Amino acid sequence: MNVYKSRSGNGGVTAYEYGDDFITCVFKNNKPYTYTVGLNSEAIINEMKFHADNQIGLTTFINQNKPRFKSRH
């Protein structure tokens, strides 16, 4: 897992990891959610990866776009 430190300091996501067709985000409540290409477009997943790697806007993107998640661990 990679630590996610939002530049704004207000992010709900605290960690993430991803592969070719998924991204898993861990939120402040320590619950991980896995988002996949099977449930979302590849563009959505790639946008989430972009926000994660750049450490900005991931929580906002999730809140605004409401991507479907495969599992809540």
N, C-alpha and C. Protein backbone atom coordinates (compact mmCIF):
# COMPACT_ATOMS: atom_id res chain seq x y z
N MET A 1 0.84 -1.19 0.00
CA MET A 1 0.00 0.00 0.00
C MET A 1 0.88 1.24 0.00
N ASN A 2 0.46 2.22 -0.75
CA ASN A 2 1.12 3.51 -0.79
C ASN A 2 0.35 4.49 0.10
N VAL A 3 1.06 5.28 0.84
CA VAL A 3 0.42 6.30 1.68
C VAL A 3 -0.10 7.41 0.78
N TYR A 4 -1.32 7.84 1.04
CA TYR A 4 -1.91 8.96 0.31
C TYR A 4 -2.02 10.14 1.26
N LYS A 5 -1.30 11.19 0.96
CA LYS A 5 -1.36 12.42 1.76
C LYS A 5 -1.85 13.53 0.86
N SER A 6 -3.13 13.80 0.93
CA SER A 6 -3.72 14.83 0.10
C SER A 6 -3.03 16.17 0.35
N ARG A 7 -2.73 16.86 -0.71
CA ARG A 7 -2.09 18.18 -0.59
C ARG A 7 -2.97 19.17 0.15
N SER A 8 -4.28 18.97 0.05
CA SER A 8 -5.20 19.88 0.73
C SER A 8 -5.28 19.58 2.23
N GLY A 9 -4.88 18.37 2.60
CA GLY A 9 -4.94 17.98 4.00
C GLY A 9 -6.32 17.53 4.46
N ASN A 10 -7.30 17.55 3.57
CA ASN A 10 -8.67 17.21 3.95
C ASN A 10 -9.15 15.88 3.38
N GLY A 11 -8.27 15.13 2.76
CA GLY A 11 -8.69 13.91 2.07
C GLY A 11 -9.18 12.82 2.98
N GLY A 12 -10.14 12.06 2.50
CA GLY A 12 -10.65 10.91 3.23
C GLY A 12 -9.86 9.65 2.94
N VAL A 13 -9.13 9.64 1.83
CA VAL A 13 -8.30 8.49 1.46
C VAL A 13 -6.97 8.60 2.19
N THR A 14 -6.51 7.48 2.77
CA THR A 14 -5.24 7.48 3.50
C THR A 14 -4.18 6.60 2.84
N ALA A 15 -4.60 5.66 1.99
CA ALA A 15 -3.65 4.77 1.32
C ALA A 15 -4.29 4.23 0.05
N TYR A 16 -3.45 3.72 -0.85
CA TYR A 16 -3.95 3.15 -2.10
C TYR A 16 -2.93 2.18 -2.68
N GLU A 17 -3.43 1.32 -3.54
CA GLU A 17 -2.58 0.47 -4.38
C GLU A 17 -3.37 0.17 -5.64
N TYR A 18 -2.65 -0.08 -6.71
CA TYR A 18 -3.38 -0.41 -7.94
C TYR A 18 -2.59 -1.34 -8.83
N GLY A 19 -3.34 -1.96 -9.74
CA GLY A 19 -2.78 -2.82 -10.77
C GLY A 19 -3.33 -2.36 -12.10
N ASP A 20 -3.21 -3.21 -13.10
CA ASP A 20 -3.64 -2.84 -14.45
C ASP A 20 -5.11 -2.46 -14.53
N ASP A 21 -5.97 -3.18 -13.81
CA ASP A 21 -7.41 -2.97 -13.99
C ASP A 21 -8.16 -2.68 -12.70
N PHE A 22 -7.47 -2.21 -11.67
CA PHE A 22 -8.13 -1.91 -10.41
C PHE A 22 -7.34 -0.87 -9.63
N ILE A 23 -8.02 -0.28 -8.66
CA ILE A 23 -7.38 0.54 -7.64
C ILE A 23 -8.11 0.27 -6.32
N THR A 24 -7.36 0.08 -5.26
CA THR A 24 -7.92 -0.08 -3.93
C THR A 24 -7.56 1.16 -3.13
N CYS A 25 -8.56 1.76 -2.52
CA CYS A 25 -8.37 2.95 -1.69
C CYS A 25 -8.77 2.63 -0.26
N VAL A 26 -7.93 3.02 0.68
CA VAL A 26 -8.25 2.87 2.10
C VAL A 26 -8.64 4.24 2.62
N PHE A 27 -9.78 4.29 3.31
CA PHE A 27 -10.28 5.55 3.83
C PHE A 27 -9.92 5.72 5.30
N LYS A 28 -10.17 6.89 5.84
CA LYS A 28 -9.82 7.19 7.24
C LYS A 28 -10.40 6.20 8.23
N ASN A 29 -11.51 5.55 7.89
CA ASN A 29 -12.12 4.56 8.77
C ASN A 29 -11.41 3.20 8.66
N ASN A 30 -10.29 3.16 7.94
CA ASN A 30 -9.47 1.96 7.71
C ASN A 30 -10.16 0.91 6.86
N LYS A 31 -11.22 1.27 6.15
CA LYS A 31 -11.90 0.33 5.27
C LYS A 31 -11.41 0.50 3.84
N PRO A 32 -10.87 -0.59 3.25
CA PRO A 32 -10.45 -0.52 1.85
C PRO A 32 -11.61 -0.82 0.89
N TYR A 33 -11.65 -0.10 -0.19
CA TYR A 33 -12.63 -0.31 -1.25
C TYR A 33 -11.85 -0.55 -2.55
N THR A 34 -12.24 -1.59 -3.28
CA THR A 34 -11.59 -1.91 -4.54
C THR A 34 -12.50 -1.54 -5.70
N TYR A 35 -12.00 -0.72 -6.59
CA TYR A 35 -12.71 -0.26 -7.79
C TYR A 35 -12.06 -0.93 -9.00
N THR A 36 -12.86 -1.51 -9.89
CA THR A 36 -12.32 -2.26 -11.02
C THR A 36 -12.82 -1.74 -12.37
N VAL A 37 -12.07 -2.09 -13.40
CA VAL A 37 -12.48 -1.75 -14.76
C VAL A 37 -13.76 -2.51 -15.12
N GLY A 38 -13.97 -3.67 -14.55
CA GLY A 38 -15.19 -4.43 -14.83
C GLY A 38 -16.46 -3.70 -14.42
N LEU A 39 -16.37 -2.83 -13.42
CA LEU A 39 -17.53 -2.08 -12.94
C LEU A 39 -17.52 -0.62 -13.34
N ASN A 40 -16.39 -0.14 -13.80
CA ASN A 40 -16.20 1.26 -14.19
C ASN A 40 -15.44 1.31 -15.49
N SER A 41 -15.48 2.43 -16.16
CA SER A 41 -14.70 2.54 -17.38
C SER A 41 -13.21 2.60 -17.05
N GLU A 42 -12.41 2.22 -18.01
CA GLU A 42 -10.96 2.30 -17.84
C GLU A 42 -10.53 3.74 -17.58
N ALA A 43 -11.24 4.68 -18.20
CA ALA A 43 -10.93 6.11 -18.01
C ALA A 43 -11.12 6.53 -16.55
N ILE A 44 -12.18 6.03 -15.92
CA ILE A 44 -12.43 6.35 -14.51
C ILE A 44 -11.31 5.81 -13.64
N ILE A 45 -10.94 4.55 -13.83
CA ILE A 45 -9.89 3.93 -13.03
C ILE A 45 -8.56 4.65 -13.26
N ASN A 46 -8.26 4.98 -14.51
CA ASN A 46 -7.01 5.70 -14.80
C ASN A 46 -7.00 7.09 -14.17
N GLU A 47 -8.13 7.75 -14.15
CA GLU A 47 -8.22 9.06 -13.51
C GLU A 47 -7.98 8.95 -12.01
N MET A 48 -8.51 7.90 -11.40
CA MET A 48 -8.29 7.68 -9.98
C MET A 48 -6.80 7.42 -9.70
N LYS A 49 -6.15 6.64 -10.56
CA LYS A 49 -4.72 6.39 -10.42
C LYS A 49 -3.92 7.68 -10.54
N PHE A 50 -4.32 8.53 -11.48
CA PHE A 50 -3.66 9.82 -11.67
C PHE A 50 -3.75 10.66 -10.39
N HIS A 51 -4.94 10.75 -9.84
CA HIS A 51 -5.13 11.53 -8.60
C HIS A 51 -4.32 10.92 -7.45
N ALA A 52 -4.30 9.60 -7.37
CA ALA A 52 -3.55 8.94 -6.31
C ALA A 52 -2.05 9.24 -6.43
N ASP A 53 -1.52 9.07 -7.63
CA ASP A 53 -0.08 9.30 -7.84
C ASP A 53 0.32 10.75 -7.60
N ASN A 54 -0.59 11.67 -7.90
CA ASN A 54 -0.29 13.09 -7.73
C ASN A 54 -0.69 13.63 -6.36
N GLN A 55 -1.25 12.76 -5.53
CA GLN A 55 -1.57 13.11 -4.15
C GLN A 55 -2.52 14.29 -4.02
N ILE A 56 -3.46 14.39 -4.94
CA ILE A 56 -4.43 15.48 -4.87
C ILE A 56 -5.73 15.09 -5.59
N GLY A 57 -6.84 15.37 -4.93
CA GLY A 57 -8.14 15.27 -5.58
C GLY A 57 -8.79 13.90 -5.64
N LEU A 58 -8.18 12.89 -5.04
CA LEU A 58 -8.76 11.55 -5.15
C LEU A 58 -10.08 11.43 -4.41
N THR A 59 -10.15 11.90 -3.19
CA THR A 59 -11.40 11.83 -2.42
C THR A 59 -12.49 12.64 -3.12
N THR A 60 -12.17 13.81 -3.59
CA THR A 60 -13.14 14.65 -4.31
C THR A 60 -13.63 13.93 -5.56
N PHE A 61 -12.72 13.32 -6.31
CA PHE A 61 -13.10 12.59 -7.52
C PHE A 61 -14.07 11.46 -7.19
N ILE A 62 -13.77 10.70 -6.14
CA ILE A 62 -14.65 9.59 -5.74
C ILE A 62 -16.02 10.13 -5.31
N ASN A 63 -16.03 11.19 -4.53
CA ASN A 63 -17.30 11.76 -4.06
C ASN A 63 -18.14 12.32 -5.19
N GLN A 64 -17.50 12.92 -6.19
CA GLN A 64 -18.24 13.53 -7.29
C GLN A 64 -18.69 12.52 -8.34
N ASN A 65 -17.89 11.48 -8.58
CA ASN A 65 -18.17 10.53 -9.66
C ASN A 65 -18.80 9.22 -9.19
N LYS A 66 -18.72 8.94 -7.89
CA LYS A 66 -19.34 7.76 -7.29
C LYS A 66 -19.05 6.47 -8.09
N PRO A 67 -17.76 6.15 -8.30
CA PRO A 67 -17.46 4.91 -9.01
C PRO A 67 -17.94 3.71 -8.21
N ARG A 68 -18.33 2.67 -8.93
CA ARG A 68 -18.82 1.46 -8.26
C ARG A 68 -17.63 0.67 -7.74
N PHE A 69 -17.76 0.10 -6.57
CA PHE A 69 -16.67 -0.69 -6.00
C PHE A 69 -17.01 -2.17 -6.02
N LYS A 70 -15.97 -2.98 -6.22
CA LYS A 70 -16.13 -4.42 -6.29
C LYS A 70 -16.27 -5.02 -4.91
N SER A 71 -15.45 -4.55 -4.00
CA SER A 71 -15.49 -5.13 -2.65
C SER A 71 -15.14 -4.09 -1.60
N ARG A 72 -15.71 -4.29 -0.46
CA ARG A 72 -15.42 -3.50 0.72
C ARG A 72 -14.89 -4.53 1.71
N HIS A 73 -13.63 -4.49 2.00
CA HIS A 73 -12.97 -5.55 2.80
C HIS A 73 -13.34 -5.46 4.26
